[in-house]
Amino acid sequence: MKNNFINLSVLALLTLGVLACSDDDNQSPESKNATLLMKSSAVNLKTAYEITFAEATIHVEEVEFESLEIDGDDFDVDFEGPFAIDLLTGISQPKIPTAYLLPGKYEEVEVELDDDVSPNIQVAGSQYIDDENSIDFVFMADEDIDFEAEAEAEDVGQAYLFEVIEGENINIVMEFKLNEWFKSVEFSSGIANEDGIVVVSKTENEQLYQQIIRNIEQSKLLVYAD
């Protein structure tokens, strides 16, 4: 495995704040009840061509939680970034602090990428053609993409994703389907640079880029309380 991957320089990041439409912004430390973890649901992709990942970073501007409507009333709670997420480890830069999430049942979550950072998605790894041969790749995206999870009874067996109960703490996990991003992608069809790396971006190996972007836009975000 080569170490010639392009390193993503993390831009100067602002302190993470939390905005809630219920004016609960100034909650005391004792009332902070929610932690967020964003990660990949797979670190290796088992297909006809096996992929192993060395890096997977996304830049997030905002995470929005929408409650279940009850008697015609619902509310949104926003976690404001920006912050960079290492999907392989779940580590955030800066660290996402424990924050306050209004009690209630939540049916929808939306993760909005930061389009002020370029690239706002970067993934590096190797695709193995056989036991002895592999292709190193770097995928860099610069797109305005939102990842969404919405409760569907046939998927989760209930009409909401998770419930926040007053006085109790909750750990919310968001899993990005990294395996779906690279489904049916064959990096052997791309053109490698002088270091033997297939770089995929808006200006390099554009056909592969569009294929991966379509996969990302069609992928599902899994959200649950751990």
C-alpha atoms as a PDB file:
ATOM      1  CA  MET A   1       0.000   0.000   0.000  1.00  0.00           C
ATOM      2  CA  LYS A   2       1.546   3.272  -1.045  1.00  0.00           C
ATOM      3  CA  ASN A   3       1.737   6.212   1.315  1.00  0.00           C
ATOM      4  CA  ASN A   4       1.393   8.756  -1.475  1.00  0.00           C
ATOM      5  CA  PHE A   5      -2.174   9.692  -0.683  1.00  0.00           C
ATOM      6  CA  ILE A   6      -3.117  13.321  -0.831  1.00  0.00           C
ATOM      7  CA  ASN A   7      -3.420  14.626   2.748  1.00  0.00           C
ATOM      8  CA  LEU A   8      -6.456  16.754   3.441  1.00  0.00           C
ATOM      9  CA  SER A   9      -5.542  19.965   5.268  1.00  0.00           C
ATOM     10  CA  VAL A  10      -8.214  20.756   7.810  1.00  0.00           C
ATOM     11  CA  LEU A  11      -9.189  24.390   7.496  1.00  0.00           C
ATOM     12  CA  ALA A  12      -9.561  26.654  10.498  1.00  0.00           C
ATOM     13  CA  LEU A  13     -12.748  25.408  12.165  1.00  0.00           C
ATOM     14  CA  LEU A  14     -15.119  27.408  14.277  1.00  0.00           C
ATOM     15  CA  THR A  15     -16.271  26.341  17.712  1.00  0.00           C
ATOM     16  CA  LEU A  16     -19.274  24.059  17.406  1.00  0.00           C
ATOM     17  CA  GLY A  17     -22.521  25.521  18.698  1.00  0.00           C
ATOM     18  CA  VAL A  18     -26.041  24.216  19.054  1.00  0.00           C
ATOM     19  CA  LEU A  19     -29.158  26.060  17.982  1.00  0.00           C
ATOM     20  CA  ALA A  20     -32.599  24.867  19.002  1.00  0.00           C
ATOM     21  CA  CYS A  21     -35.748  26.494  17.739  1.00  0.00           C
ATOM     22  CA  SER A  22     -37.237  26.221  21.244  1.00  0.00           C
ATOM     23  CA  ASP A  23     -34.780  28.864  22.586  1.00  0.00           C
ATOM     24  CA  ASP A  24     -32.981  26.241  24.668  1.00  0.00           C
ATOM     25  CA  ASP A  25     -29.561  27.449  23.470  1.00  0.00           C
ATOM     26  CA  ASN A  26     -28.301  28.382  26.932  1.00  0.00           C
ATOM     27  CA  GLN A  27     -28.804  25.069  28.651  1.00  0.00           C
ATOM     28  CA  SER A  28     -26.675  24.419  31.727  1.00  0.00           C
ATOM     29  CA  PRO A  29     -23.985  21.678  31.490  1.00  0.00           C
ATOM     30  CA  GLU A  30     -26.182  19.418  33.629  1.00  0.00           C
ATOM     31  CA  SER A  31     -28.986  19.527  31.068  1.00  0.00           C
ATOM     32  CA  LYS A  32     -26.861  18.502  28.082  1.00  0.00           C
ATOM     33  CA  ASN A  33     -28.182  15.094  27.174  1.00  0.00           C
ATOM     34  CA  ALA A  34     -27.086  14.114  23.653  1.00  0.00           C
ATOM     35  CA  THR A  35     -23.852  12.922  22.080  1.00  0.00           C
ATOM     36  CA  LEU A  36     -23.354  12.423  18.328  1.00  0.00           C
ATOM     37  CA  LEU A  37     -21.151   9.867  16.597  1.00  0.00           C
ATOM     38  CA  MET A  38     -20.716   9.807  12.814  1.00  0.00           C
ATOM     39  CA  LYS A  39     -18.880   6.869  11.258  1.00  0.00           C
ATOM     40  CA  SER A  40     -18.777   4.456   8.358  1.00  0.00           C
ATOM     41  CA  SER A  41     -20.802   1.258   8.552  1.00  0.00           C
ATOM     42  CA  ALA A  42     -18.040  -0.588   6.641  1.00  0.00           C
ATOM     43  CA  VAL A  43     -14.265  -0.299   6.397  1.00  0.00           C
ATOM     44  CA  ASN A  44     -13.845  -2.999   3.772  1.00  0.00           C
ATOM     45  CA  LEU A  45     -15.996  -3.535   0.719  1.00  0.00           C
ATOM     46  CA  LYS A  46     -16.566  -7.127  -0.370  1.00  0.00           C
ATOM     47  CA  THR A  47     -17.403  -7.188  -4.061  1.00  0.00           C
ATOM     48  CA  ALA A  48     -15.894  -8.714  -7.172  1.00  0.00           C
ATOM     49  CA  TYR A  49     -13.118  -6.197  -6.530  1.00  0.00           C
ATOM     50  CA  GLU A  50     -12.250  -5.903  -2.828  1.00  0.00           C
ATOM     51  CA  ILE A  51     -11.682  -2.366  -1.515  1.00  0.00           C
ATOM     52  CA  THR A  52      -9.853  -1.446   1.666  1.00  0.00           C
ATOM     53  CA  PHE A  53     -10.025   2.126   2.950  1.00  0.00           C
ATOM     54  CA  ALA A  54      -7.132   4.169   4.337  1.00  0.00           C
ATOM     55  CA  GLU A  55      -8.985   7.480   4.699  1.00  0.00           C
ATOM     56  CA  ALA A  56     -12.580   8.674   4.614  1.00  0.00           C
ATOM     57  CA  THR A  57     -13.247  12.262   5.640  1.00  0.00           C
ATOM     58  CA  ILE A  58     -16.337  14.437   5.266  1.00  0.00           C
ATOM     59  CA  HIS A  59     -16.836  18.094   6.198  1.00  0.00           C
ATOM     60  CA  VAL A  60     -20.209  18.802   7.797  1.00  0.00           C
ATOM     61  CA  GLU A  61     -21.862  22.198   8.119  1.00  0.00           C
ATOM     62  CA  GLU A  62     -25.018  21.234  10.012  1.00  0.00           C
ATOM     63  CA  VAL A  63     -26.985  18.315  11.427  1.00  0.00           C
ATOM     64  CA  GLU A  64     -30.747  18.840  11.675  1.00  0.00           C
ATOM     65  CA  PHE A  65     -33.135  16.717  13.729  1.00  0.00           C
ATOM     66  CA  GLU A  66     -36.869  16.866  13.024  1.00  0.00           C
ATOM     67  CA  SER A  67     -39.373  15.629  15.558  1.00  0.00           C
ATOM     68  CA  LEU A  68     -42.471  13.537  14.938  1.00  0.00           C
ATOM     69  CA  GLU A  69     -45.557  15.676  14.464  1.00  0.00           C
ATOM     70  CA  ILE A  70     -47.981  15.298  17.359  1.00  0.00           C
ATOM     71  CA  ASP A  71     -51.339  17.072  17.312  1.00  0.00           C
ATOM     72  CA  GLY A  72     -50.115  19.240  14.450  1.00  0.00           C
ATOM     73  CA  ASP A  73     -46.992  20.371  16.320  1.00  0.00           C
ATOM     74  CA  ASP A  74     -43.348  19.507  15.619  1.00  0.00           C
ATOM     75  CA  PHE A  75     -39.934  21.131  16.025  1.00  0.00           C
ATOM     76  CA  ASP A  76     -36.399  21.112  14.624  1.00  0.00           C
ATOM     77  CA  VAL A  77     -33.120  21.031  16.540  1.00  0.00           C
ATOM     78  CA  ASP A  78     -29.903  21.994  14.706  1.00  0.00           C
ATOM     79  CA  PHE A  79     -26.304  21.101  15.563  1.00  0.00           C
ATOM     80  CA  GLU A  80     -24.218  23.808  13.866  1.00  0.00           C
ATOM     81  CA  GLY A  81     -20.679  23.140  12.539  1.00  0.00           C
ATOM     82  CA  PRO A  82     -18.453  23.266  10.695  1.00  0.00           C
ATOM     83  CA  PHE A  83     -16.513  20.151  11.660  1.00  0.00           C
ATOM     84  CA  ALA A  84     -14.556  17.409   9.917  1.00  0.00           C
ATOM     85  CA  ILE A  85     -15.453  13.758  10.504  1.00  0.00           C
ATOM     86  CA  ASP A  86     -13.101  10.816  10.080  1.00  0.00           C
ATOM     87  CA  LEU A  87     -15.622   8.134   9.121  1.00  0.00           C
ATOM     88  CA  LEU A  88     -13.172   5.284   9.763  1.00  0.00           C
ATOM     89  CA  THR A  89     -12.615   6.233  13.418  1.00  0.00           C
ATOM     90  CA  GLY A  90     -15.619   8.427  14.222  1.00  0.00           C
ATOM     91  CA  ILE A  91     -13.269  11.177  15.407  1.00  0.00           C
ATOM     92  CA  SER A  92     -14.493  14.728  14.831  1.00  0.00           C
ATOM     93  CA  GLN A  93     -12.340  17.857  14.468  1.00  0.00           C
ATOM     94  CA  PRO A  94     -13.215  19.805  16.518  1.00  0.00           C
ATOM     95  CA  LYS A  95     -14.781  17.301  18.894  1.00  0.00           C
ATOM     96  CA  ILE A  96     -18.578  17.388  18.869  1.00  0.00           C
ATOM     97  CA  PRO A  97     -19.528  18.356  22.430  1.00  0.00           C
ATOM     98  CA  THR A  98     -22.384  16.902  24.391  1.00  0.00           C
ATOM     99  CA  ALA A  99     -25.380  19.123  23.727  1.00  0.00           C
ATOM    100  CA  TYR A 100     -29.053  19.509  24.497  1.00  0.00           C
ATOM    101  CA  LEU A 101     -31.661  17.754  22.388  1.00  0.00           C
ATOM    102  CA  LEU A 102     -35.284  18.487  23.153  1.00  0.00           C
ATOM    103  CA  PRO A 103     -37.292  15.554  24.550  1.00  0.00           C
ATOM    104  CA  GLY A 104     -39.489  13.907  21.951  1.00  0.00           C
ATOM    105  CA  LYS A 105     -39.610  11.365  19.148  1.00  0.00           C
ATOM    106  CA  TYR A 106     -37.499  12.170  16.103  1.00  0.00           C
ATOM    107  CA  GLU A 107     -38.480  10.950  12.646  1.00  0.00           C
ATOM    108  CA  GLU A 108     -35.923  12.603  10.353  1.00  0.00           C
ATOM    109  CA  VAL A 109     -32.234  13.520  10.413  1.00  0.00           C
ATOM    110  CA  GLU A 110     -30.384  15.512   7.768  1.00  0.00           C
ATOM    111  CA  VAL A 111     -26.605  15.951   7.532  1.00  0.00           C
ATOM    112  CA  GLU A 112     -25.573  18.882   5.340  1.00  0.00           C
ATOM    113  CA  LEU A 113     -22.062  18.942   3.907  1.00  0.00           C
ATOM    114  CA  ASP A 114     -19.987  22.116   4.120  1.00  0.00           C
ATOM    115  CA  ASP A 115     -19.732  23.500   0.592  1.00  0.00           C
ATOM    116  CA  ASP A 116     -17.258  26.158   1.746  1.00  0.00           C
ATOM    117  CA  VAL A 117     -14.598  23.432   2.085  1.00  0.00           C
ATOM    118  CA  SER A 118     -13.053  21.909  -1.028  1.00  0.00           C
ATOM    119  CA  PRO A 119     -12.975  18.969  -1.215  1.00  0.00           C
ATOM    120  CA  ASN A 120     -15.724  18.273   1.327  1.00  0.00           C
ATOM    121  CA  ILE A 121     -15.433  14.496   0.808  1.00  0.00           C
ATOM    122  CA  GLN A 122     -12.124  12.656   0.510  1.00  0.00           C
ATOM    123  CA  VAL A 123     -11.678   8.895   0.447  1.00  0.00           C
ATOM    124  CA  ALA A 124      -8.441   6.996  -0.190  1.00  0.00           C
ATOM    125  CA  GLY A 125      -7.771   3.295  -0.385  1.00  0.00           C
ATOM    126  CA  SER A 126      -6.864   0.328  -2.545  1.00  0.00           C
ATOM    127  CA  GLN A 127      -8.893  -1.919  -4.811  1.00  0.00           C
ATOM    128  CA  TYR A 128      -7.564  -5.443  -5.127  1.00  0.00           C
ATOM    129  CA  ILE A 129      -7.809  -7.022  -8.546  1.00  0.00           C
ATOM    130  CA  ASP A 130      -6.393 -10.333  -7.304  1.00  0.00           C
ATOM    131  CA  ASP A 131      -4.213 -11.600  -4.438  1.00  0.00           C
ATOM    132  CA  GLU A 132      -1.108  -9.859  -5.783  1.00  0.00           C
ATOM    133  CA  ASN A 133      -2.323  -6.770  -7.641  1.00  0.00           C
ATOM    134  CA  SER A 134      -4.083  -3.675  -6.392  1.00  0.00           C
ATOM    135  CA  ILE A 135      -4.871  -0.124  -7.504  1.00  0.00           C
ATOM    136  CA  ASP A 136      -4.448   2.814  -5.137  1.00  0.00           C
ATOM    137  CA  PHE A 137      -7.073   5.542  -5.473  1.00  0.00           C
ATOM    138  CA  VAL A 138      -8.052   8.914  -4.055  1.00  0.00           C
ATOM    139  CA  PHE A 139     -11.597  10.207  -4.467  1.00  0.00           C
ATOM    140  CA  MET A 140     -12.207  13.918  -3.877  1.00  0.00           C
ATOM    141  CA  ALA A 141     -15.677  15.450  -4.119  1.00  0.00           C
ATOM    142  CA  ASP A 142     -16.766  19.051  -4.105  1.00  0.00           C
ATOM    143  CA  GLU A 143     -20.543  18.781  -3.953  1.00  0.00           C
ATOM    144  CA  ASP A 144     -23.562  20.252  -2.168  1.00  0.00           C
ATOM    145  CA  ILE A 145     -24.918  16.972  -0.795  1.00  0.00           C
ATOM    146  CA  ASP A 146     -27.345  16.286   2.056  1.00  0.00           C
ATOM    147  CA  PHE A 147     -27.541  12.874   3.706  1.00  0.00           C
ATOM    148  CA  GLU A 148     -30.987  12.007   5.040  1.00  0.00           C
ATOM    149  CA  ALA A 149     -32.512   9.374   7.281  1.00  0.00           C
ATOM    150  CA  GLU A 150     -36.267   9.161   7.658  1.00  0.00           C
ATOM    151  CA  ALA A 151     -38.278   6.739   9.731  1.00  0.00           C
ATOM    152  CA  GLU A 152     -40.138   4.163   7.688  1.00  0.00           C
ATOM    153  CA  ALA A 153     -42.121   1.532   9.532  1.00  0.00           C
ATOM    154  CA  GLU A 154     -41.075  -1.259   7.179  1.00  0.00           C
ATOM    155  CA  ASP A 155     -37.406  -0.495   7.865  1.00  0.00           C
ATOM    156  CA  VAL A 156     -37.266   0.239  11.600  1.00  0.00           C
ATOM    157  CA  GLY A 157     -40.566  -1.192  12.815  1.00  0.00           C
ATOM    158  CA  GLN A 158     -41.709   2.151  14.245  1.00  0.00           C
ATOM    159  CA  ALA A 159     -42.714   5.603  13.067  1.00  0.00           C
ATOM    160  CA  TYR A 160     -39.633   7.345  14.475  1.00  0.00           C
ATOM    161  CA  LEU A 161     -35.853   6.897  14.463  1.00  0.00           C
ATOM    162  CA  PHE A 162     -35.224   7.405  18.175  1.00  0.00           C
ATOM    163  CA  GLU A 163     -36.768   8.998  21.266  1.00  0.00           C
ATOM    164  CA  VAL A 164     -35.263  11.497  23.670  1.00  0.00           C
ATOM    165  CA  ILE A 165     -36.676  11.176  27.171  1.00  0.00           C
ATOM    166  CA  GLU A 166     -36.548  14.035  29.657  1.00  0.00           C
ATOM    167  CA  GLY A 167     -33.840  13.469  32.269  1.00  0.00           C
ATOM    168  CA  GLU A 168     -32.076  10.700  30.326  1.00  0.00           C
ATOM    169  CA  ASN A 169     -28.913  10.815  28.213  1.00  0.00           C
ATOM    170  CA  ILE A 170     -28.826   9.493  24.662  1.00  0.00           C
ATOM    171  CA  ASN A 171     -26.034   8.479  22.289  1.00  0.00           C
ATOM    172  CA  ILE A 172     -27.018   8.998  18.652  1.00  0.00           C
ATOM    173  CA  VAL A 173     -25.087   7.066  15.999  1.00  0.00           C
ATOM    174  CA  MET A 174     -25.100   8.028  12.314  1.00  0.00           C
ATOM    175  CA  GLU A 175     -23.676   5.429   9.950  1.00  0.00           C
ATOM    176  CA  PHE A 176     -22.649   6.385   6.415  1.00  0.00           C
ATOM    177  CA  LYS A 177     -22.866   3.503   3.945  1.00  0.00           C
ATOM    178  CA  LEU A 178     -19.340   3.713   2.575  1.00  0.00           C
ATOM    179  CA  ASN A 179     -19.787   0.370   0.827  1.00  0.00           C
ATOM    180  CA  GLU A 180     -22.696   1.800  -1.174  1.00  0.00           C
ATOM    181  CA  TRP A 181     -20.587   4.766  -2.315  1.00  0.00           C
ATOM    182  CA  PHE A 182     -18.212   2.508  -4.249  1.00  0.00           C
ATOM    183  CA  LYS A 183     -20.604  -0.213  -5.359  1.00  0.00           C
ATOM    184  CA  SER A 184     -19.701  -1.535  -8.840  1.00  0.00           C
ATOM    185  CA  VAL A 185     -16.856   0.983  -9.203  1.00  0.00           C
ATOM    186  CA  GLU A 186     -13.818  -0.385 -11.054  1.00  0.00           C
ATOM    187  CA  PHE A 187     -10.800   1.856 -10.623  1.00  0.00           C
ATOM    188  CA  SER A 188      -8.933  -0.201 -13.227  1.00  0.00           C
ATOM    189  CA  SER A 189     -10.928   1.740 -15.830  1.00  0.00           C
ATOM    190  CA  GLY A 190      -9.386   5.014 -14.655  1.00  0.00           C
ATOM    191  CA  ILE A 191      -6.132   6.707 -15.651  1.00  0.00           C
ATOM    192  CA  ALA A 192      -3.418   6.654 -12.971  1.00  0.00           C
ATOM    193  CA  ASN A 193      -1.086   9.584 -12.324  1.00  0.00           C
ATOM    194  CA  GLU A 194       2.724   9.396 -12.357  1.00  0.00           C
ATOM    195  CA  ASP A 195       2.670   7.872  -8.862  1.00  0.00           C
ATOM    196  CA  GLY A 196       0.357   5.077  -9.982  1.00  0.00           C
ATOM    197  CA  ILE A 197      -2.646   6.495  -8.083  1.00  0.00           C
ATOM    198  CA  VAL A 198      -6.055   6.810  -9.718  1.00  0.00           C
ATOM    199  CA  VAL A 199      -7.240  10.269  -8.649  1.00  0.00           C
ATOM    200  CA  VAL A 200     -10.986  10.757  -9.101  1.00  0.00           C
ATOM    201  CA  SER A 201     -12.337  14.312  -9.000  1.00  0.00           C
ATOM    202  CA  LYS A 202     -14.365  16.769 -11.048  1.00  0.00           C
ATOM    203  CA  THR A 203     -11.410  17.240 -13.379  1.00  0.00           C
ATOM    204  CA  GLU A 204      -9.773  13.782 -13.319  1.00  0.00           C
ATOM    205  CA  ASN A 205     -11.418  10.489 -14.311  1.00  0.00           C
ATOM    206  CA  GLU A 206     -14.737  12.293 -14.607  1.00  0.00           C
ATOM    207  CA  GLN A 207     -16.749   9.212 -15.547  1.00  0.00           C
ATOM    208  CA  LEU A 208     -15.752   7.433 -12.347  1.00  0.00           C
ATOM    209  CA  TYR A 209     -16.461  10.640 -10.427  1.00  0.00           C
ATOM    210  CA  GLN A 210     -20.023  10.857 -11.711  1.00  0.00           C
ATOM    211  CA  GLN A 211     -20.622   7.177 -10.950  1.00  0.00           C
ATOM    212  CA  ILE A 212     -19.488   7.575  -7.346  1.00  0.00           C
ATOM    213  CA  ILE A 213     -21.485  10.790  -6.878  1.00  0.00           C
ATOM    214  CA  ARG A 214     -24.634   9.007  -8.070  1.00  0.00           C
ATOM    215  CA  ASN A 215     -23.935   6.201  -5.603  1.00  0.00           C
ATOM    216  CA  ILE A 216     -23.465   8.696  -2.753  1.00  0.00           C
ATOM    217  CA  GLU A 217     -26.689  10.539  -3.577  1.00  0.00           C
ATOM    218  CA  GLN A 218     -28.599   7.241  -3.579  1.00  0.00           C
ATOM    219  CA  SER A 219     -27.016   5.874  -0.406  1.00  0.00           C
ATOM    220  CA  LYS A 220     -28.936   5.726   2.858  1.00  0.00           C
ATOM    221  CA  LEU A 221     -27.937   7.231   6.187  1.00  0.00           C
ATOM    222  CA  LEU A 222     -28.556   4.930   9.140  1.00  0.00           C
ATOM    223  CA  VAL A 223     -29.449   6.692  12.412  1.00  0.00           C
ATOM    224  CA  TYR A 224     -30.173   5.044  15.745  1.00  0.00           C
ATOM    225  CA  ALA A 225     -29.747   5.418  19.494  1.00  0.00           C
ATOM    226  CA  ASP A 226     -26.944   3.318  20.921  1.00  0.00           C
END
